[in-house]
PDB file of N, CA and C in Angstrom:
ATOM      1  N   GLN A   1      -1.975  30.409  77.656  1.00  0.00           N
ATOM      2  CA  GLN A   1      -1.234  30.258  76.394  1.00  0.00           C
ATOM      3  C   GLN A   1       0.110  29.604  76.680  1.00  0.00           C
ATOM      4  N   VAL A   2       0.565  28.825  75.754  1.00  0.00           N
ATOM      5  CA  VAL A   2       1.860  28.162  75.887  1.00  0.00           C
ATOM      6  C   VAL A   2       2.929  29.042  75.247  1.00  0.00           C
ATOM      7  N   GLN A   3       4.111  29.051  75.825  1.00  0.00           N
ATOM      8  CA  GLN A   3       5.241  29.790  75.273  1.00  0.00           C
ATOM      9  C   GLN A   3       6.220  28.803  74.655  1.00  0.00           C
ATOM     10  N   LEU A   4       6.773  29.177  73.504  1.00  0.00           N
ATOM     11  CA  LEU A   4       7.646  28.280  72.742  1.00  0.00           C
ATOM     12  C   LEU A   4       8.978  28.948  72.438  1.00  0.00           C
ATOM     13  N   VAL A   5      10.059  28.179  72.570  1.00  0.00           N
ATOM     14  CA  VAL A   5      11.387  28.671  72.244  1.00  0.00           C
ATOM     15  C   VAL A   5      12.094  27.627  71.391  1.00  0.00           C
ATOM     16  N   GLU A   6      12.438  28.021  70.148  1.00  0.00           N
ATOM     17  CA  GLU A   6      13.143  27.108  69.249  1.00  0.00           C
ATOM     18  C   GLU A   6      14.653  27.240  69.414  1.00  0.00           C
ATOM     19  N   SER A   7      15.355  26.169  69.060  1.00  0.00           N
ATOM     20  CA  SER A   7      16.812  26.177  69.042  1.00  0.00           C
ATOM     21  C   SER A   7      17.285  25.118  68.065  1.00  0.00           C
ATOM     22  N   GLY A   8      18.590  25.176  67.740  1.00  0.00           N
ATOM     23  CA  GLY A   8      19.179  24.138  66.910  1.00  0.00           C
ATOM     24  C   GLY A   8      19.434  24.532  65.469  1.00  0.00           C
ATOM     25  N   GLY A   9      19.015  25.729  65.081  1.00  0.00           N
ATOM     26  CA  GLY A   9      19.272  26.160  63.717  1.00  0.00           C
ATOM     27  C   GLY A   9      20.749  26.454  63.495  1.00  0.00           C
ATOM     28  N   GLY A  10      21.104  26.668  62.234  1.00  0.00           N
ATOM     29  CA  GLY A  10      22.489  26.983  61.923  1.00  0.00           C
ATOM     30  C   GLY A  10      22.771  26.839  60.449  1.00  0.00           C
ATOM     31  N   LEU A  11      24.069  26.813  60.144  1.00  0.00           N
ATOM     32  CA  LEU A  11      24.535  26.684  58.762  1.00  0.00           C
ATOM     33  C   LEU A  11      25.044  25.270  58.546  1.00  0.00           C
ATOM     34  N   VAL A  12      24.599  24.644  57.476  1.00  0.00           N
ATOM     35  CA  VAL A  12      25.006  23.275  57.173  1.00  0.00           C
ATOM     36  C   VAL A  12      25.146  23.132  55.664  1.00  0.00           C
ATOM     37  N   GLN A  13      26.017  22.241  55.230  1.00  0.00           N
ATOM     38  CA  GLN A  13      26.186  21.980  53.809  1.00  0.00           C
ATOM     39  C   GLN A  13      25.061  21.070  53.296  1.00  0.00           C
ATOM     40  N   ALA A  14      24.791  21.177  52.021  1.00  0.00           N
ATOM     41  CA  ALA A  14      23.787  20.313  51.405  1.00  0.00           C
ATOM     42  C   ALA A  14      24.133  18.847  51.668  1.00  0.00           C
ATOM     43  N   GLY A  15      23.123  18.074  51.997  1.00  0.00           N
ATOM     44  CA  GLY A  15      23.316  16.676  52.342  1.00  0.00           C
ATOM     45  C   GLY A  15      23.505  16.429  53.820  1.00  0.00           C
ATOM     46  N   GLY A  16      23.695  17.501  54.570  1.00  0.00           N
ATOM     47  CA  GLY A  16      23.917  17.382  56.007  1.00  0.00           C
ATOM     48  C   GLY A  16      22.624  17.283  56.787  1.00  0.00           C
ATOM     49  N   SER A  17      22.766  17.309  58.117  1.00  0.00           N
ATOM     50  CA  SER A  17      21.624  17.140  59.015  1.00  0.00           C
ATOM     51  C   SER A  17      21.639  18.199  60.110  1.00  0.00           C
ATOM     52  N   LEU A  18      20.458  18.501  60.601  1.00  0.00           N
ATOM     53  CA  LEU A  18      20.283  19.355  61.770  1.00  0.00           C
ATOM     54  C   LEU A  18      19.087  18.825  62.550  1.00  0.00           C
ATOM     55  N   ARG A  19      19.106  19.070  63.864  1.00  0.00           N
ATOM     56  CA  ARG A  19      17.936  18.759  64.670  1.00  0.00           C
ATOM     57  C   ARG A  19      17.476  20.024  65.379  1.00  0.00           C
ATOM     58  N   LEU A  20      16.262  20.417  65.104  1.00  0.00           N
ATOM     59  CA  LEU A  20      15.656  21.559  65.767  1.00  0.00           C
ATOM     60  C   LEU A  20      14.896  21.084  67.006  1.00  0.00           C
ATOM     61  N   SER A  21      14.919  21.926  68.034  1.00  0.00           N
ATOM     62  CA  SER A  21      14.160  21.649  69.248  1.00  0.00           C
ATOM     63  C   SER A  21      13.245  22.822  69.532  1.00  0.00           C
ATOM     64  N   CYS A  22      12.127  22.532  70.172  1.00  0.00           N
ATOM     65  CA  CYS A  22      11.182  23.561  70.574  1.00  0.00           C
ATOM     66  C   CYS A  22      10.727  23.232  71.983  1.00  0.00           C
ATOM     67  N   ALA A  23      11.138  24.070  72.929  1.00  0.00           N
ATOM     68  CA  ALA A  23      10.787  23.861  74.330  1.00  0.00           C
ATOM     69  C   ALA A  23       9.554  24.679  74.676  1.00  0.00           C
ATOM     70  N   ALA A  24       8.600  24.030  75.330  1.00  0.00           N
ATOM     71  CA  ALA A  24       7.342  24.684  75.673  1.00  0.00           C
ATOM     72  C   ALA A  24       7.232  24.904  77.166  1.00  0.00           C
ATOM     73  N   SER A  25       6.554  25.974  77.524  1.00  0.00           N
ATOM     74  CA  SER A  25       6.266  26.258  78.932  1.00  0.00           C
ATOM     75  C   SER A  25       4.892  26.906  79.010  1.00  0.00           C
ATOM     76  N   GLY A  26       4.341  26.906  80.196  1.00  0.00           N
ATOM     77  CA  GLY A  26       3.026  27.514  80.368  1.00  0.00           C
ATOM     78  C   GLY A  26       1.963  26.455  80.538  1.00  0.00           C
ATOM     79  N   ARG A  27       1.087  26.342  79.570  1.00  0.00           N
ATOM     80  CA  ARG A  27      -0.012  25.391  79.642  1.00  0.00           C
ATOM     81  C   ARG A  27       0.490  23.948  79.474  1.00  0.00           C
ATOM     82  N   THR A  28      -0.363  23.004  79.700  1.00  0.00           N
ATOM     83  CA  THR A  28      -0.003  21.594  79.611  1.00  0.00           C
ATOM     84  C   THR A  28       0.367  21.228  78.187  1.00  0.00           C
ATOM     85  N   PHE A  29       1.628  20.892  77.995  1.00  0.00           N
ATOM     86  CA  PHE A  29       2.187  20.615  76.669  1.00  0.00           C
ATOM     87  C   PHE A  29       1.442  19.495  75.970  1.00  0.00           C
ATOM     88  N   SER A  30       1.106  18.450  76.713  1.00  0.00           N
ATOM     89  CA  SER A  30       0.517  17.267  76.090  1.00  0.00           C
ATOM     90  C   SER A  30      -0.899  17.522  75.589  1.00  0.00           C
ATOM     91  N   ASN A  31      -1.472  18.672  75.885  1.00  0.00           N
ATOM     92  CA  ASN A  31      -2.802  19.006  75.383  1.00  0.00           C
ATOM     93  C   ASN A  31      -2.780  19.594  73.979  1.00  0.00           C
ATOM     94  N   TYR A  32      -1.586  19.833  73.445  1.00  0.00           N
ATOM     95  CA  TYR A  32      -1.451  20.537  72.185  1.00  0.00           C
ATOM     96  C   TYR A  32      -0.908  19.645  71.078  1.00  0.00           C
ATOM     97  N   TYR A  33      -1.480  19.829  69.893  1.00  0.00           N
ATOM     98  CA  TYR A  33      -0.807  19.350  68.698  1.00  0.00           C
ATOM     99  C   TYR A  33       0.374  20.293  68.462  1.00  0.00           C
ATOM    100  N   MET A  34       1.465  19.767  67.961  1.00  0.00           N
ATOM    101  CA  MET A  34       2.662  20.558  67.729  1.00  0.00           C
ATOM    102  C   MET A  34       3.072  20.463  66.267  1.00  0.00           C
ATOM    103  N   GLY A  35       3.667  21.535  65.766  1.00  0.00           N
ATOM    104  CA  GLY A  35       4.066  21.509  64.368  1.00  0.00           C
ATOM    105  C   GLY A  35       5.228  22.428  64.084  1.00  0.00           C
ATOM    106  N   TRP A  36       5.718  22.319  62.869  1.00  0.00           N
ATOM    107  CA  TRP A  36       6.788  23.186  62.370  1.00  0.00           C
ATOM    108  C   TRP A  36       6.350  23.794  61.044  1.00  0.00           C
ATOM    109  N   PHE A  37       6.602  25.065  60.901  1.00  0.00           N
ATOM    110  CA  PHE A  37       6.427  25.788  59.652  1.00  0.00           C
ATOM    111  C   PHE A  37       7.769  26.421  59.293  1.00  0.00           C
ATOM    112  N   ARG A  38       7.884  26.881  58.075  1.00  0.00           N
ATOM    113  CA  ARG A  38       9.089  27.602  57.679  1.00  0.00           C
ATOM    114  C   ARG A  38       8.734  28.730  56.717  1.00  0.00           C
ATOM    115  N   GLN A  39       9.608  29.724  56.689  1.00  0.00           N
ATOM    116  CA  GLN A  39       9.407  30.856  55.798  1.00  0.00           C
ATOM    117  C   GLN A  39      10.739  31.271  55.202  1.00  0.00           C
ATOM    118  N   ALA A  40      10.838  31.155  53.892  1.00  0.00           N
ATOM    119  CA  ALA A  40      12.032  31.575  53.173  1.00  0.00           C
ATOM    120  C   ALA A  40      11.864  33.036  52.754  1.00  0.00           C
ATOM    121  N   PRO A  41      12.968  33.725  52.496  1.00  0.00           N
ATOM    122  CA  PRO A  41      12.886  35.138  52.098  1.00  0.00           C
ATOM    123  C   PRO A  41      12.009  35.326  50.874  1.00  0.00           C
ATOM    124  N   GLY A  42      11.071  36.256  50.958  1.00  0.00           N
ATOM    125  CA  GLY A  42      10.201  36.559  49.837  1.00  0.00           C
ATOM    126  C   GLY A  42       9.085  35.566  49.600  1.00  0.00           C
ATOM    127  N   LYS A  43       8.957  34.587  50.503  1.00  0.00           N
ATOM    128  CA  LYS A  43       7.923  33.564  50.330  1.00  0.00           C
ATOM    129  C   LYS A  43       6.995  33.544  51.530  1.00  0.00           C
ATOM    130  N   GLU A  44       5.830  32.935  51.342  1.00  0.00           N
ATOM    131  CA  GLU A  44       4.891  32.801  52.442  1.00  0.00           C
ATOM    132  C   GLU A  44       5.325  31.676  53.381  1.00  0.00           C
ATOM    133  N   ARG A  45       4.845  31.775  54.616  1.00  0.00           N
ATOM    134  CA  ARG A  45       5.112  30.700  55.567  1.00  0.00           C
ATOM    135  C   ARG A  45       4.425  29.428  55.084  1.00  0.00           C
ATOM    136  N   GLU A  46       5.139  28.298  55.182  1.00  0.00           N
ATOM    137  CA  GLU A  46       4.583  27.042  54.706  1.00  0.00           C
ATOM    138  C   GLU A  46       4.689  25.955  55.759  1.00  0.00           C
ATOM    139  N   PHE A  47       3.741  25.040  55.713  1.00  0.00           N
ATOM    140  CA  PHE A  47       3.710  23.908  56.628  1.00  0.00           C
ATOM    141  C   PHE A  47       4.866  22.955  56.343  1.00  0.00           C
ATOM    142  N   VAL A  48       5.444  22.403  57.415  1.00  0.00           N
ATOM    143  CA  VAL A  48       6.516  21.426  57.280  1.00  0.00           C
ATOM    144  C   VAL A  48       6.086  20.076  57.851  1.00  0.00           C
ATOM    145  N   ALA A  49       5.704  20.060  59.124  1.00  0.00           N
ATOM    146  CA  ALA A  49       5.369  18.797  59.781  1.00  0.00           C
ATOM    147  C   ALA A  49       4.526  19.079  61.019  1.00  0.00           C
ATOM    148  N   ALA A  50       3.766  18.062  61.451  1.00  0.00           N
ATOM    149  CA  ALA A  50       2.972  18.186  62.659  1.00  0.00           C
ATOM    150  C   ALA A  50       2.819  16.830  63.314  1.00  0.00           C
ATOM    151  N   ILE A  51       2.522  16.864  64.628  1.00  0.00           N
ATOM    152  CA  ILE A  51       2.419  15.638  65.400  1.00  0.00           C
ATOM    153  C   ILE A  51       1.275  15.767  66.391  1.00  0.00           C
ATOM    154  N   SER A  52       0.595  14.650  66.648  1.00  0.00           N
ATOM    155  CA  SER A  52      -0.557  14.645  67.533  1.00  0.00           C
ATOM    156  C   SER A  52      -0.132  14.695  68.999  1.00  0.00           C
ATOM    157  N   TRP A  53      -1.142  14.770  69.877  1.00  0.00           N
ATOM    158  CA  TRP A  53      -0.862  14.856  71.302  1.00  0.00           C
ATOM    159  C   TRP A  53       0.051  13.749  71.803  1.00  0.00           C
ATOM    160  N   SER A  54      -0.274  12.531  71.412  1.00  0.00           N
ATOM    161  CA  SER A  54       0.453  11.374  71.921  1.00  0.00           C
ATOM    162  C   SER A  54       1.710  11.077  71.135  1.00  0.00           C
ATOM    163  N   GLY A  55       1.811  11.686  69.953  1.00  0.00           N
ATOM    164  CA  GLY A  55       2.926  11.363  69.066  1.00  0.00           C
ATOM    165  C   GLY A  55       2.608  10.220  68.123  1.00  0.00           C
ATOM    166  N   GLY A  56       1.409   9.677  68.235  1.00  0.00           N
ATOM    167  CA  GLY A  56       1.065   8.525  67.423  1.00  0.00           C
ATOM    168  C   GLY A  56       0.689   8.857  65.993  1.00  0.00           C
ATOM    169  N   SER A  57       0.436  10.114  65.723  1.00  0.00           N
ATOM    170  CA  SER A  57       0.068  10.526  64.376  1.00  0.00           C
ATOM    171  C   SER A  57       0.938  11.689  63.933  1.00  0.00           C
ATOM    172  N   THR A  58       1.491  11.566  62.727  1.00  0.00           N
ATOM    173  CA  THR A  58       2.320  12.628  62.176  1.00  0.00           C
ATOM    174  C   THR A  58       1.883  12.911  60.738  1.00  0.00           C
ATOM    175  N   THR A  59       2.198  14.096  60.274  1.00  0.00           N
ATOM    176  CA  THR A  59       1.918  14.467  58.898  1.00  0.00           C
ATOM    177  C   THR A  59       3.023  15.396  58.410  1.00  0.00           C
ATOM    178  N   TYR A  60       3.351  15.280  57.126  1.00  0.00           N
ATOM    179  CA  TYR A  60       4.480  16.026  56.565  1.00  0.00           C
ATOM    180  C   TYR A  60       4.087  16.680  55.240  1.00  0.00           C
ATOM    181  N   ALA A  61       4.763  17.769  54.937  1.00  0.00           N
ATOM    182  CA  ALA A  61       4.678  18.337  53.599  1.00  0.00           C
ATOM    183  C   ALA A  61       5.382  17.395  52.634  1.00  0.00           C
ATOM    184  N   ASP A  62       4.892  17.340  51.417  1.00  0.00           N
ATOM    185  CA  ASP A  62       5.498  16.447  50.425  1.00  0.00           C
ATOM    186  C   ASP A  62       6.980  16.764  50.210  1.00  0.00           C
ATOM    187  N   SER A  63       7.330  18.030  50.329  1.00  0.00           N
ATOM    188  CA  SER A  63       8.700  18.458  50.045  1.00  0.00           C
ATOM    189  C   SER A  63       9.719  17.930  51.051  1.00  0.00           C
ATOM    190  N   VAL A  64       9.262  17.501  52.226  1.00  0.00           N
ATOM    191  CA  VAL A  64      10.192  17.038  53.257  1.00  0.00           C
ATOM    192  C   VAL A  64       9.971  15.574  53.627  1.00  0.00           C
ATOM    193  N   LYS A  65       8.937  14.968  53.076  1.00  0.00           N
ATOM    194  CA  LYS A  65       8.601  13.585  53.420  1.00  0.00           C
ATOM    195  C   LYS A  65       9.772  12.667  53.081  1.00  0.00           C
ATOM    196  N   GLY A  66      10.129  11.813  54.035  1.00  0.00           N
ATOM    197  CA  GLY A  66      11.240  10.901  53.847  1.00  0.00           C
ATOM    198  C   GLY A  66      12.583  11.476  54.258  1.00  0.00           C
ATOM    199  N   ARG A  67      12.643  12.787  54.490  1.00  0.00           N
ATOM    200  CA  ARG A  67      13.901  13.425  54.914  1.00  0.00           C
ATOM    201  C   ARG A  67      13.804  14.003  56.328  1.00  0.00           C
ATOM    202  N   PHE A  68      12.643  14.490  56.693  1.00  0.00           N
ATOM    203  CA  PHE A  68      12.437  15.104  58.007  1.00  0.00           C
ATOM    204  C   PHE A  68      11.591  14.177  58.879  1.00  0.00           C
ATOM    205  N   THR A  69      11.850  14.230  60.185  1.00  0.00           N
ATOM    206  CA  THR A  69      11.070  13.459  61.151  1.00  0.00           C
ATOM    207  C   THR A  69      10.712  14.345  62.336  1.00  0.00           C
ATOM    208  N   ILE A  70       9.430  14.396  62.662  1.00  0.00           N
ATOM    209  CA  ILE A  70       8.979  15.146  63.825  1.00  0.00           C
ATOM    210  C   ILE A  70       8.728  14.169  64.965  1.00  0.00           C
ATOM    211  N   ALA A  71       9.096  14.577  66.169  1.00  0.00           N
ATOM    212  CA  ALA A  71       8.894  13.737  67.349  1.00  0.00           C
ATOM    213  C   ALA A  71       8.670  14.652  68.547  1.00  0.00           C
ATOM    214  N   ARG A  72       8.097  14.087  69.604  1.00  0.00           N
ATOM    215  CA  ARG A  72       7.872  14.881  70.801  1.00  0.00           C
ATOM    216  C   ARG A  72       8.172  14.055  72.034  1.00  0.00           C
ATOM    217  N   ASP A  73       8.576  14.747  73.090  1.00  0.00           N
ATOM    218  CA  ASP A  73       8.815  14.140  74.388  1.00  0.00           C
ATOM    219  C   ASP A  73       7.970  14.918  75.385  1.00  0.00           C
ATOM    220  N   ASN A  74       6.816  14.387  75.735  1.00  0.00           N
ATOM    221  CA  ASN A  74       5.907  15.121  76.623  1.00  0.00           C
ATOM    222  C   ASN A  74       6.477  15.276  78.035  1.00  0.00           C
ATOM    223  N   ALA A  75       7.356  14.383  78.426  1.00  0.00           N
ATOM    224  CA  ALA A  75       7.983  14.498  79.752  1.00  0.00           C
ATOM    225  C   ALA A  75       8.932  15.693  79.811  1.00  0.00           C
ATOM    226  N   LYS A  76       9.478  16.055  78.653  1.00  0.00           N
ATOM    227  CA  LYS A  76      10.413  17.183  78.583  1.00  0.00           C
ATOM    228  C   LYS A  76       9.771  18.423  77.975  1.00  0.00           C
ATOM    229  N   ASN A  77       8.488  18.343  77.641  1.00  0.00           N
ATOM    230  CA  ASN A  77       7.782  19.477  77.028  1.00  0.00           C
ATOM    231  C   ASN A  77       8.515  19.993  75.789  1.00  0.00           C
ATOM    232  N   THR A  78       8.970  19.069  74.977  1.00  0.00           N
ATOM    233  CA  THR A  78       9.790  19.441  73.829  1.00  0.00           C
ATOM    234  C   THR A  78       9.342  18.694  72.578  1.00  0.00           C
ATOM    235  N   VAL A  79       9.367  19.399  71.453  1.00  0.00           N
ATOM    236  CA  VAL A  79       9.140  18.781  70.156  1.00  0.00           C
ATOM    237  C   VAL A  79      10.397  18.971  69.317  1.00  0.00           C
ATOM    238  N   TYR A  80      10.694  17.991  68.492  1.00  0.00           N
ATOM    239  CA  TYR A  80      11.923  17.991  67.703  1.00  0.00           C
ATOM    240  C   TYR A  80      11.593  17.892  66.213  1.00  0.00           C
ATOM    241  N   LEU A  81      12.516  18.391  65.417  1.00  0.00           N
ATOM    242  CA  LEU A  81      12.438  18.189  63.975  1.00  0.00           C
ATOM    243  C   LEU A  81      13.824  17.749  63.516  1.00  0.00           C
ATOM    244  N   GLN A  82      13.949  16.473  63.206  1.00  0.00           N
ATOM    245  CA  GLN A  82      15.205  15.938  62.678  1.00  0.00           C
ATOM    246  C   GLN A  82      15.188  16.130  61.169  1.00  0.00           C
ATOM    247  N   MET A  83      16.179  16.837  60.660  1.00  0.00           N
ATOM    248  CA  MET A  83      16.233  17.158  59.237  1.00  0.00           C
ATOM    249  C   MET A  83      17.476  16.527  58.634  1.00  0.00           C
ATOM    250  N   ASN A  84      17.280  15.593  57.735  1.00  0.00           N
ATOM    251  CA  ASN A  84      18.368  14.901  57.059  1.00  0.00           C
ATOM    252  C   ASN A  84      18.352  15.225  55.574  1.00  0.00           C
ATOM    253  N   SER A  85      19.448  14.938  54.918  1.00  0.00           N
ATOM    254  CA  SER A  85      19.571  15.162  53.468  1.00  0.00           C
ATOM    255  C   SER A  85      19.116  16.570  53.098  1.00  0.00           C
ATOM    256  N   LEU A  86      19.613  17.535  53.821  1.00  0.00           N
ATOM    257  CA  LEU A  86      19.168  18.915  53.613  1.00  0.00           C
ATOM    258  C   LEU A  86      19.563  19.436  52.242  1.00  0.00           C
ATOM    259  N   LYS A  87      18.700  20.286  51.711  1.00  0.00           N
ATOM    260  CA  LYS A  87      18.900  20.885  50.394  1.00  0.00           C
ATOM    261  C   LYS A  87      18.918  22.412  50.545  1.00  0.00           C
ATOM    262  N   PRO A  88      19.545  23.106  49.609  1.00  0.00           N
ATOM    263  CA  PRO A  88      19.540  24.579  49.685  1.00  0.00           C
ATOM    264  C   PRO A  88      18.132  25.159  49.762  1.00  0.00           C
ATOM    265  N   GLU A  89      17.171  24.505  49.142  1.00  0.00           N
ATOM    266  CA  GLU A  89      15.792  25.014  49.173  1.00  0.00           C
ATOM    267  C   GLU A  89      15.126  24.835  50.532  1.00  0.00           C
ATOM    268  N   ASP A  90      15.782  24.159  51.467  1.00  0.00           N
ATOM    269  CA  ASP A  90      15.282  24.062  52.840  1.00  0.00           C
ATOM    270  C   ASP A  90      15.664  25.288  53.662  1.00  0.00           C
ATOM    271  N   THR A  91      16.470  26.159  53.104  1.00  0.00           N
ATOM    272  CA  THR A  91      16.876  27.372  53.803  1.00  0.00           C
ATOM    273  C   THR A  91      15.664  28.241  54.122  1.00  0.00           C
ATOM    274  N   ALA A  92      15.510  28.567  55.412  1.00  0.00           N
ATOM    275  CA  ALA A  92      14.351  29.333  55.854  1.00  0.00           C
ATOM    276  C   ALA A  92      14.468  29.586  57.352  1.00  0.00           C
ATOM    277  N   VAL A  93      13.578  30.420  57.852  1.00  0.00           N
ATOM    278  CA  VAL A  93      13.378  30.517  59.294  1.00  0.00           C
ATOM    279  C   VAL A  93      12.310  29.486  59.648  1.00  0.00           C
ATOM    280  N   TYR A  94      12.621  28.652  60.626  1.00  0.00           N
ATOM    281  CA  TYR A  94      11.716  27.585  61.030  1.00  0.00           C
ATOM    282  C   TYR A  94      11.016  27.994  62.331  1.00  0.00           C
ATOM    283  N   TYR A  95       9.689  27.837  62.324  1.00  0.00           N
ATOM    284  CA  TYR A  95       8.864  28.222  63.456  1.00  0.00           C
ATOM    285  C   TYR A  95       8.155  27.011  64.049  1.00  0.00           C
ATOM    286  N   CYS A  96       8.131  26.977  65.351  1.00  0.00           N
ATOM    287  CA  CYS A  96       7.393  25.969  66.089  1.00  0.00           C
ATOM    288  C   CYS A  96       6.003  26.531  66.406  1.00  0.00           C
ATOM    289  N   VAL A  97       5.002  25.666  66.381  1.00  0.00           N
ATOM    290  CA  VAL A  97       3.641  26.108  66.668  1.00  0.00           C
ATOM    291  C   VAL A  97       2.946  25.078  67.538  1.00  0.00           C
ATOM    292  N   ALA A  98       2.140  25.571  68.474  1.00  0.00           N
ATOM    293  CA  ALA A  98       1.296  24.722  69.321  1.00  0.00           C
ATOM    294  C   ALA A  98      -0.151  25.069  69.036  1.00  0.00           C
ATOM    295  N   HIS A  99      -0.964  24.049  68.868  1.00  0.00           N
ATOM    296  CA  HIS A  99      -2.362  24.276  68.518  1.00  0.00           C
ATOM    297  C   HIS A  99      -3.229  23.276  69.268  1.00  0.00           C
ATOM    298  N   PRO A 100      -4.362  23.720  69.816  1.00  0.00           N
ATOM    299  CA  PRO A 100      -5.200  22.795  70.593  1.00  0.00           C
ATOM    300  C   PRO A 100      -5.923  21.744  69.747  1.00  0.00           C
ATOM    301  N   GLY A 101      -5.953  21.926  68.453  1.00  0.00           N
ATOM    302  CA  GLY A 101      -6.548  20.908  67.595  1.00  0.00           C
ATOM    303  C   GLY A 101      -7.672  21.465  66.753  1.00  0.00           C
ATOM    304  N   PRO A 102      -8.094  20.756  65.728  1.00  0.00           N
ATOM    305  CA  PRO A 102      -7.560  19.489  65.259  1.00  0.00           C
ATOM    306  C   PRO A 102      -6.273  19.628  64.446  1.00  0.00           C
ATOM    307  N   LEU A 103      -5.680  18.503  64.105  1.00  0.00           N
ATOM    308  CA  LEU A 103      -4.417  18.492  63.386  1.00  0.00           C
ATOM    309  C   LEU A 103      -4.560  19.152  62.026  1.00  0.00           C
ATOM    310  N   SER A 104      -5.675  18.950  61.378  1.00  0.00           N
ATOM    311  CA  SER A 104      -5.890  19.543  60.054  1.00  0.00           C
ATOM    312  C   SER A 104      -5.888  21.060  60.122  1.00  0.00           C
ATOM    313  N   GLN A 105      -6.376  21.615  61.220  1.00  0.00           N
ATOM    314  CA  GLN A 105      -6.395  23.061  61.394  1.00  0.00           C
ATOM    315  C   GLN A 105      -4.992  23.602  61.597  1.00  0.00           C
ATOM    316  N   LEU A 106      -4.165  22.868  62.332  1.00  0.00           N
ATOM    317  CA  LEU A 106      -2.758  23.266  62.494  1.00  0.00           C
ATOM    318  C   LEU A 106      -2.079  23.278  61.149  1.00  0.00           C
ATOM    319  N   ARG A 107      -2.279  22.223  60.371  1.00  0.00           N
ATOM    320  CA  ARG A 107      -1.631  22.116  59.069  1.00  0.00           C
ATOM    321  C   ARG A 107      -2.025  23.277  58.164  1.00  0.00           C
ATOM    322  N   ALA A 108      -3.234  23.761  58.324  1.00  0.00           N
ATOM    323  CA  ALA A 108      -3.723  24.873  57.498  1.00  0.00           C
ATOM    324  C   ALA A 108      -3.185  26.223  57.957  1.00  0.00           C
ATOM    325  N   GLY A 109      -2.442  26.247  59.071  1.00  0.00           N
ATOM    326  CA  GLY A 109      -1.860  27.497  59.530  1.00  0.00           C
ATOM    327  C   GLY A 109      -2.291  27.933  60.899  1.00  0.00           C
ATOM    328  N   GLY A 110      -3.103  27.112  61.545  1.00  0.00           N
ATOM    329  CA  GLY A 110      -3.526  27.427  62.895  1.00  0.00           C
ATOM    330  C   GLY A 110      -4.612  28.489  62.943  1.00  0.00           C
ATOM    331  N   THR A 111      -4.896  28.943  64.164  1.00  0.00           N
ATOM    332  CA  THR A 111      -5.926  29.965  64.372  1.00  0.00           C
ATOM    333  C   THR A 111      -5.429  30.946  65.428  1.00  0.00           C
ATOM    334  N   GLU A 112      -6.326  31.794  65.903  1.00  0.00           N
ATOM    335  CA  GLU A 112      -5.957  32.729  66.964  1.00  0.00           C
ATOM    336  C   GLU A 112      -5.624  32.007  68.263  1.00  0.00           C
ATOM    337  N   TYR A 113      -5.954  30.734  68.357  1.00  0.00           N
ATOM    338  CA  TYR A 113      -5.649  29.941  69.543  1.00  0.00           C
ATOM    339  C   TYR A 113      -4.295  29.263  69.463  1.00  0.00           C
ATOM    340  N   SER A 114      -3.591  29.441  68.359  1.00  0.00           N
ATOM    341  CA  SER A 114      -2.272  28.854  68.188  1.00  0.00           C
ATOM    342  C   SER A 114      -1.215  29.735  68.845  1.00  0.00           C
ATOM    343  N   ALA A 115      -0.141  29.094  69.293  1.00  0.00           N
ATOM    344  CA  ALA A 115       1.007  29.816  69.842  1.00  0.00           C
ATOM    345  C   ALA A 115       2.219  29.547  68.964  1.00  0.00           C
ATOM    346  N   TRP A 116       2.999  30.588  68.703  1.00  0.00           N
ATOM    347  CA  TRP A 116       4.152  30.479  67.816  1.00  0.00           C
ATOM    348  C   TRP A 116       5.439  30.847  68.550  1.00  0.00           C
ATOM    349  N   GLY A 117       6.527  30.180  68.162  1.00  0.00           N
ATOM    350  CA  GLY A 117       7.832  30.568  68.651  1.00  0.00           C
ATOM    351  C   GLY A 117       8.396  31.716  67.832  1.00  0.00           C
ATOM    352  N   GLN A 118       9.593  32.140  68.187  1.00  0.00           N
ATOM    353  CA  GLN A 118      10.207  33.295  67.535  1.00  0.00           C
ATOM    354  C   GLN A 118      10.947  32.912  66.270  1.00  0.00           C
ATOM    355  N   GLY A 119      11.192  31.631  66.066  1.00  0.00           N
ATOM    356  CA  GLY A 119      11.849  31.156  64.865  1.00  0.00           C
ATOM    357  C   GLY A 119      13.337  30.937  65.046  1.00  0.00           C
ATOM    358  N   THR A 120      13.877  30.028  64.254  1.00  0.00           N
ATOM    359  CA  THR A 120      15.312  29.755  64.236  1.00  0.00           C
ATOM    360  C   THR A 120      15.745  29.607  62.779  1.00  0.00           C
ATOM    361  N   GLN A 121      16.877  30.224  62.441  1.00  0.00           N
ATOM    362  CA  GLN A 121      17.332  30.252  61.048  1.00  0.00           C
ATOM    363  C   GLN A 121      18.059  28.960  60.697  1.00  0.00           C
ATOM    364  N   VAL A 122      17.685  28.397  59.557  1.00  0.00           N
ATOM    365  CA  VAL A 122      18.386  27.250  58.989  1.00  0.00           C
ATOM    366  C   VAL A 122      18.886  27.671  57.602  1.00  0.00           C
ATOM    367  N   THR A 123      20.191  27.539  57.394  1.00  0.00           N
ATOM    368  CA  THR A 123      20.788  27.894  56.114  1.00  0.00           C
ATOM    369  C   THR A 123      21.546  26.687  55.578  1.00  0.00           C
ATOM    370  N   VAL A 124      21.205  26.277  54.362  1.00  0.00           N
ATOM    371  CA  VAL A 124      21.841  25.132  53.730  1.00  0.00           C
ATOM    372  C   VAL A 124      22.625  25.630  52.526  1.00  0.00           C
ATOM    373  N   SER A 125      23.930  25.430  52.560  1.00  0.00           N
ATOM    374  CA  SER A 125      24.784  25.901  51.483  1.00  0.00           C
ATOM    375  C   SER A 125      24.979  24.792  50.452  1.00  0.00           C
ATOM    376  N   SER A 126      25.153  25.200  49.205  1.00  0.00           N
ATOM    377  CA  SER A 126      25.312  24.213  48.123  1.00  0.00           C
ATOM    378  C   SER A 126      26.768  23.875  47.900  1.00  0.00           C
TER     379      SER A 126
END
């Protein structure tokens, strides 16, 4: 199993930017599809973005498309989420996930074979 540690969360004003990082250890990072989910208070966890093994394929939730960018550096075993034009409704705990595939299964929430990080808080003030 791969272990994941997120970082980069914090407090930012609406319209600002943050970059989240997720460092992986354990199994071979490049064998996993990687993604980000988020969970706001009182709401279910929701898909944000995902990226394929090579980084050549990405997919986003409609709510973040055009504002967020997911990327990965397999040499550093790290996946990133660049978040621009942040809105108060982006406030949530953001979780990194590793999944062996396929990408559609990750987007649906993963399976028992998925690995999750502990989460990092993102708060956007109005």
